[in-house]
């Protein structure tokens, strides 16, 4: 895998993303030299959600239909209640997640976004974490849920909430720079 400065990272989101969980990784990884693209179901801007109200908007660089998975080294799924509910019923979004997983690329999911990993069938038999409210969902999907800032299991990175962003971003960088991770035990 490439040095972070030579990597391409995709952030997949939609309206209702948790503002800090998209903007901080995008900005910090870009500052380290990574080429970071934001993809959304539709062209234009997507609105963030912060403290129970709509917040900053971010321009999507492309639609999900335009994503070419082979051009990216990692996928970041930011937090927010609305993202998993919207994207897990979007066939294109789920195909993108599954393609990253099948290719052994880093997939990093924060907060509520690990619910997308459940939908993709990627939780069973893995150590994972998430926002506390979906802990039971993660366990019922066969994951071994632990209460840690960040958990890595075979290239899949999960994290609990925005307070864990430093650890989440650091682990994402570390694993982008490693070799591909097989998804089987």
C-alpha atoms as a PDB file:
ATOM      1  CA  UNK A   1       0.000   0.000   0.000  1.00  0.00           C
ATOM      2  CA  UNK A   2       1.180   3.544  -0.564  1.00  0.00           C
ATOM      3  CA  UNK A   3       2.500   6.147   1.836  1.00  0.00           C
ATOM      4  CA  UNK A   4      -0.381   8.302   3.018  1.00  0.00           C
ATOM      5  CA  UNK A   5       0.939  11.189   0.909  1.00  0.00           C
ATOM      6  CA  UNK A   6       0.543   9.012  -2.203  1.00  0.00           C
ATOM      7  CA  UNK A   7      -2.818   7.501  -1.325  1.00  0.00           C
ATOM      8  CA  UNK A   8      -6.365   8.076  -2.526  1.00  0.00           C
ATOM      9  CA  UNK A   9      -9.138   7.863   0.013  1.00  0.00           C
ATOM     10  CA  UNK A  10     -12.869   7.839  -0.576  1.00  0.00           C
ATOM     11  CA  UNK A  11     -15.330   9.187   1.978  1.00  0.00           C
ATOM     12  CA  UNK A  12     -18.871   8.034   1.298  1.00  0.00           C
ATOM     13  CA  UNK A  13     -21.647  10.058   2.911  1.00  0.00           C
ATOM     14  CA  UNK A  14     -25.072  11.565   2.526  1.00  0.00           C
ATOM     15  CA  UNK A  15     -27.216  14.195   4.199  1.00  0.00           C
ATOM     16  CA  UNK A  16     -27.080  13.877   7.964  1.00  0.00           C
ATOM     17  CA  UNK A  17     -23.394  12.988   8.343  1.00  0.00           C
ATOM     18  CA  UNK A  18     -21.955  13.838  11.749  1.00  0.00           C
ATOM     19  CA  UNK A  19     -20.064  17.004  10.865  1.00  0.00           C
ATOM     20  CA  UNK A  20     -16.755  16.322  12.631  1.00  0.00           C
ATOM     21  CA  UNK A  21     -16.550  12.694  11.504  1.00  0.00           C
ATOM     22  CA  UNK A  22     -16.428  13.715   7.851  1.00  0.00           C
ATOM     23  CA  UNK A  23     -14.650  17.064   7.927  1.00  0.00           C
ATOM     24  CA  UNK A  24     -11.784  16.192  10.303  1.00  0.00           C
ATOM     25  CA  UNK A  25     -10.678  13.000   8.497  1.00  0.00           C
ATOM     26  CA  UNK A  26     -11.021  14.716   5.112  1.00  0.00           C
ATOM     27  CA  UNK A  27      -8.994  17.741   6.192  1.00  0.00           C
ATOM     28  CA  UNK A  28      -6.343  15.907   8.225  1.00  0.00           C
ATOM     29  CA  UNK A  29      -5.710  13.233   5.599  1.00  0.00           C
ATOM     30  CA  UNK A  30      -5.566  15.911   2.887  1.00  0.00           C
ATOM     31  CA  UNK A  31      -3.063  17.862   5.000  1.00  0.00           C
ATOM     32  CA  UNK A  32      -0.880  14.732   5.071  1.00  0.00           C
ATOM     33  CA  UNK A  33      -0.938  14.645   1.278  1.00  0.00           C
ATOM     34  CA  UNK A  34      -3.680  12.121   0.595  1.00  0.00           C
ATOM     35  CA  UNK A  35      -6.089  12.763  -2.260  1.00  0.00           C
ATOM     36  CA  UNK A  36      -9.489  12.590  -0.544  1.00  0.00           C
ATOM     37  CA  UNK A  37     -12.774  12.495  -2.453  1.00  0.00           C
ATOM     38  CA  UNK A  38     -16.286  12.713  -1.041  1.00  0.00           C
ATOM     39  CA  UNK A  39     -18.950  10.669  -2.835  1.00  0.00           C
ATOM     40  CA  UNK A  40     -22.691  10.975  -2.251  1.00  0.00           C
ATOM     41  CA  UNK A  41     -25.796   9.483  -3.856  1.00  0.00           C
ATOM     42  CA  UNK A  42     -26.506  12.735  -5.686  1.00  0.00           C
ATOM     43  CA  UNK A  43     -24.356  15.536  -7.101  1.00  0.00           C
ATOM     44  CA  UNK A  44     -24.025  18.790  -5.193  1.00  0.00           C
ATOM     45  CA  UNK A  45     -23.766  19.491  -1.507  1.00  0.00           C
ATOM     46  CA  UNK A  46     -24.660  17.276   1.412  1.00  0.00           C
ATOM     47  CA  UNK A  47     -25.754  18.783   4.729  1.00  0.00           C
ATOM     48  CA  UNK A  48     -24.164  17.780   7.979  1.00  0.00           C
ATOM     49  CA  UNK A  49     -25.877  17.287  11.315  1.00  0.00           C
ATOM     50  CA  UNK A  50     -24.397  18.675  14.511  1.00  0.00           C
ATOM     51  CA  UNK A  51     -25.933  19.009  17.976  1.00  0.00           C
ATOM     52  CA  UNK A  52     -29.497  18.181  16.881  1.00  0.00           C
ATOM     53  CA  UNK A  53     -29.656  20.577  13.941  1.00  0.00           C
ATOM     54  CA  UNK A  54     -28.494  20.905  10.339  1.00  0.00           C
ATOM     55  CA  UNK A  55     -24.991  22.270  10.070  1.00  0.00           C
ATOM     56  CA  UNK A  56     -22.226  22.733   7.518  1.00  0.00           C
ATOM     57  CA  UNK A  57     -22.575  21.495   3.972  1.00  0.00           C
ATOM     58  CA  UNK A  58     -19.827  19.717   2.078  1.00  0.00           C
ATOM     59  CA  UNK A  59     -19.627  19.523  -1.687  1.00  0.00           C
ATOM     60  CA  UNK A  60     -19.577  15.994  -3.006  1.00  0.00           C
ATOM     61  CA  UNK A  61     -16.728  15.501  -5.469  1.00  0.00           C
ATOM     62  CA  UNK A  62     -18.693  12.803  -7.276  1.00  0.00           C
ATOM     63  CA  UNK A  63     -21.799  10.693  -7.172  1.00  0.00           C
ATOM     64  CA  UNK A  64     -21.715   7.067  -6.064  1.00  0.00           C
ATOM     65  CA  UNK A  65     -22.279   6.050  -9.677  1.00  0.00           C
ATOM     66  CA  UNK A  66     -18.984   7.734 -10.635  1.00  0.00           C
ATOM     67  CA  UNK A  67     -16.852   5.930  -8.027  1.00  0.00           C
ATOM     68  CA  UNK A  68     -14.133   3.636  -9.386  1.00  0.00           C
ATOM     69  CA  UNK A  69     -13.149   1.496  -6.398  1.00  0.00           C
ATOM     70  CA  UNK A  70      -9.886   0.374  -7.996  1.00  0.00           C
ATOM     71  CA  UNK A  71      -8.564   3.948  -7.862  1.00  0.00           C
ATOM     72  CA  UNK A  72      -8.756   4.121  -4.035  1.00  0.00           C
ATOM     73  CA  UNK A  73      -6.718   2.721  -1.171  1.00  0.00           C
ATOM     74  CA  UNK A  74      -9.298   3.159   1.585  1.00  0.00           C
ATOM     75  CA  UNK A  75     -12.933   3.910   2.286  1.00  0.00           C
ATOM     76  CA  UNK A  76     -14.097   6.023   5.213  1.00  0.00           C
ATOM     77  CA  UNK A  77     -17.695   5.847   6.383  1.00  0.00           C
ATOM     78  CA  UNK A  78     -18.332   8.840   8.668  1.00  0.00           C
ATOM     79  CA  UNK A  79     -20.767   8.788  11.546  1.00  0.00           C
ATOM     80  CA  UNK A  80     -24.262  10.082  11.876  1.00  0.00           C
ATOM     81  CA  UNK A  81     -27.622   8.443  12.447  1.00  0.00           C
ATOM     82  CA  UNK A  82     -28.886   9.107   8.945  1.00  0.00           C
ATOM     83  CA  UNK A  83     -26.000   7.733   6.880  1.00  0.00           C
ATOM     84  CA  UNK A  84     -26.517   4.005   7.562  1.00  0.00           C
ATOM     85  CA  UNK A  85     -30.279   4.177   7.102  1.00  0.00           C
ATOM     86  CA  UNK A  86     -29.883   5.952   3.773  1.00  0.00           C
ATOM     87  CA  UNK A  87     -26.906   4.086   2.346  1.00  0.00           C
ATOM     88  CA  UNK A  88     -27.768   0.527   3.374  1.00  0.00           C
ATOM     89  CA  UNK A  89     -30.782   0.579   1.054  1.00  0.00           C
ATOM     90  CA  UNK A  90     -28.742   2.079  -1.785  1.00  0.00           C
ATOM     91  CA  UNK A  91     -27.530  -0.759  -4.018  1.00  0.00           C
ATOM     92  CA  UNK A  92     -24.643   1.289  -5.407  1.00  0.00           C
ATOM     93  CA  UNK A  93     -23.396   2.279  -1.952  1.00  0.00           C
ATOM     94  CA  UNK A  94     -23.489  -1.323  -0.758  1.00  0.00           C
ATOM     95  CA  UNK A  95     -21.719  -2.531  -3.899  1.00  0.00           C
ATOM     96  CA  UNK A  96     -18.939  -0.003  -3.243  1.00  0.00           C
ATOM     97  CA  UNK A  97     -18.500  -1.143   0.361  1.00  0.00           C
ATOM     98  CA  UNK A  98     -18.483  -4.818  -0.661  1.00  0.00           C
ATOM     99  CA  UNK A  99     -15.947  -4.145  -3.421  1.00  0.00           C
ATOM    100  CA  UNK A 100     -13.559  -2.445  -0.974  1.00  0.00           C
ATOM    101  CA  UNK A 101     -13.920  -5.404   1.387  1.00  0.00           C
ATOM    102  CA  UNK A 102     -13.429  -8.017  -1.340  1.00  0.00           C
ATOM    103  CA  UNK A 103     -10.322  -6.244  -2.617  1.00  0.00           C
ATOM    104  CA  UNK A 104      -8.756  -6.224   0.861  1.00  0.00           C
ATOM    105  CA  UNK A 105      -8.710  -2.434   1.016  1.00  0.00           C
ATOM    106  CA  UNK A 106      -8.983  -0.527   4.285  1.00  0.00           C
ATOM    107  CA  UNK A 107     -12.554   0.206   5.339  1.00  0.00           C
ATOM    108  CA  UNK A 108     -12.929   2.574   8.306  1.00  0.00           C
ATOM    109  CA  UNK A 109     -16.359   3.143   9.889  1.00  0.00           C
ATOM    110  CA  UNK A 110     -17.138   5.568  12.707  1.00  0.00           C
ATOM    111  CA  UNK A 111     -20.016   5.895  15.155  1.00  0.00           C
ATOM    112  CA  UNK A 112     -23.248   4.545  13.563  1.00  0.00           C
ATOM    113  CA  UNK A 113     -21.582   3.736  10.214  1.00  0.00           C
ATOM    114  CA  UNK A 114     -20.515   0.216  11.298  1.00  0.00           C
ATOM    115  CA  UNK A 115     -24.175  -0.664  10.671  1.00  0.00           C
ATOM    116  CA  UNK A 116     -23.196  -0.552   6.994  1.00  0.00           C
ATOM    117  CA  UNK A 117     -20.632  -3.268   7.716  1.00  0.00           C
ATOM    118  CA  UNK A 118     -23.445  -5.382   9.161  1.00  0.00           C
ATOM    119  CA  UNK A 119     -25.415  -4.917   5.941  1.00  0.00           C
ATOM    120  CA  UNK A 120     -22.311  -5.886   3.942  1.00  0.00           C
ATOM    121  CA  UNK A 121     -21.898  -9.092   5.968  1.00  0.00           C
ATOM    122  CA  UNK A 122     -18.484  -8.029   7.251  1.00  0.00           C
ATOM    123  CA  UNK A 123     -18.955  -8.113  11.036  1.00  0.00           C
ATOM    124  CA  UNK A 124     -19.323 -11.821  11.823  1.00  0.00           C
ATOM    125  CA  UNK A 125     -16.304 -13.225  13.655  1.00  0.00           C
ATOM    126  CA  UNK A 126     -14.526  -9.865  13.905  1.00  0.00           C
ATOM    127  CA  UNK A 127     -13.562  -7.616  16.793  1.00  0.00           C
ATOM    128  CA  UNK A 128     -15.535  -4.399  16.344  1.00  0.00           C
ATOM    129  CA  UNK A 129     -16.762  -1.318  18.130  1.00  0.00           C
ATOM    130  CA  UNK A 130     -19.388   1.300  17.365  1.00  0.00           C
ATOM    131  CA  UNK A 131     -21.623   3.894  18.909  1.00  0.00           C
ATOM    132  CA  UNK A 132     -23.148   2.296  22.010  1.00  0.00           C
ATOM    133  CA  UNK A 133     -26.707   2.337  20.629  1.00  0.00           C
ATOM    134  CA  UNK A 134     -25.845  -0.202  17.890  1.00  0.00           C
ATOM    135  CA  UNK A 135     -23.753  -2.485  20.118  1.00  0.00           C
ATOM    136  CA  UNK A 136     -26.506  -5.131  20.231  1.00  0.00           C
ATOM    137  CA  UNK A 137     -26.868  -4.986  16.435  1.00  0.00           C
ATOM    138  CA  UNK A 138     -23.128  -5.581  16.068  1.00  0.00           C
ATOM    139  CA  UNK A 139     -23.246  -8.530  18.490  1.00  0.00           C
ATOM    140  CA  UNK A 140     -26.347  -9.999  16.816  1.00  0.00           C
ATOM    141  CA  UNK A 141     -24.487  -9.822  13.487  1.00  0.00           C
ATOM    142  CA  UNK A 142     -21.758 -12.006  14.983  1.00  0.00           C
ATOM    143  CA  UNK A 143     -19.245  -9.316  15.902  1.00  0.00           C
ATOM    144  CA  UNK A 144     -17.191  -9.385  19.080  1.00  0.00           C
ATOM    145  CA  UNK A 145     -18.051  -5.877  20.304  1.00  0.00           C
ATOM    146  CA  UNK A 146     -15.556  -4.141  22.605  1.00  0.00           C
ATOM    147  CA  UNK A 147     -15.630  -0.696  24.171  1.00  0.00           C
ATOM    148  CA  UNK A 148     -12.383   0.763  22.791  1.00  0.00           C
ATOM    149  CA  UNK A 149     -11.613   4.014  20.963  1.00  0.00           C
ATOM    150  CA  UNK A 150     -10.702   2.180  17.808  1.00  0.00           C
ATOM    151  CA  UNK A 151     -10.669  -1.496  16.857  1.00  0.00           C
ATOM    152  CA  UNK A 152      -8.904  -3.028  13.864  1.00  0.00           C
ATOM    153  CA  UNK A 153      -9.584  -6.512  12.587  1.00  0.00           C
ATOM    154  CA  UNK A 154      -8.115  -7.575   9.229  1.00  0.00           C
ATOM    155  CA  UNK A 155      -8.184  -4.103   7.707  1.00  0.00           C
ATOM    156  CA  UNK A 156     -11.604  -3.146   8.986  1.00  0.00           C
ATOM    157  CA  UNK A 157     -11.379  -0.191  11.355  1.00  0.00           C
ATOM    158  CA  UNK A 158     -14.260   0.723  13.650  1.00  0.00           C
ATOM    159  CA  UNK A 159     -14.569   3.515  16.172  1.00  0.00           C
ATOM    160  CA  UNK A 160     -17.175   4.678  18.692  1.00  0.00           C
ATOM    161  CA  UNK A 161     -17.777   8.423  18.393  1.00  0.00           C
ATOM    162  CA  UNK A 162     -16.272  11.822  17.495  1.00  0.00           C
ATOM    163  CA  UNK A 163     -14.189  11.957  20.684  1.00  0.00           C
ATOM    164  CA  UNK A 164     -12.185   9.033  19.249  1.00  0.00           C
ATOM    165  CA  UNK A 165     -11.264  10.780  15.980  1.00  0.00           C
ATOM    166  CA  UNK A 166      -7.553  11.139  16.792  1.00  0.00           C
ATOM    167  CA  UNK A 167      -7.184   7.371  17.230  1.00  0.00           C
ATOM    168  CA  UNK A 168      -9.472   6.662  14.245  1.00  0.00           C
ATOM    169  CA  UNK A 169      -7.483   8.870  11.883  1.00  0.00           C
ATOM    170  CA  UNK A 170      -4.138   7.542  13.150  1.00  0.00           C
ATOM    171  CA  UNK A 171      -5.217   3.917  12.625  1.00  0.00           C
ATOM    172  CA  UNK A 172      -6.549   4.731   9.174  1.00  0.00           C
ATOM    173  CA  UNK A 173      -3.177   6.211   8.175  1.00  0.00           C
ATOM    174  CA  UNK A 174      -1.310   3.270   9.687  1.00  0.00           C
ATOM    175  CA  UNK A 175      -3.371   0.703   7.818  1.00  0.00           C
ATOM    176  CA  UNK A 176      -3.437   2.535   4.499  1.00  0.00           C
ATOM    177  CA  UNK A 177       0.347   2.290   4.575  1.00  0.00           C
ATOM    178  CA  UNK A 178       0.288  -1.481   5.241  1.00  0.00           C
ATOM    179  CA  UNK A 179      -0.210  -4.327   2.788  1.00  0.00           C
ATOM    180  CA  UNK A 180      -3.768  -5.417   1.868  1.00  0.00           C
ATOM    181  CA  UNK A 181      -5.598  -7.321   4.578  1.00  0.00           C
ATOM    182  CA  UNK A 182      -7.246 -10.657   3.766  1.00  0.00           C
ATOM    183  CA  UNK A 183     -10.859 -10.783   4.931  1.00  0.00           C
ATOM    184  CA  UNK A 184     -10.943 -14.476   5.843  1.00  0.00           C
ATOM    185  CA  UNK A 185      -9.802 -16.000   9.110  1.00  0.00           C
END
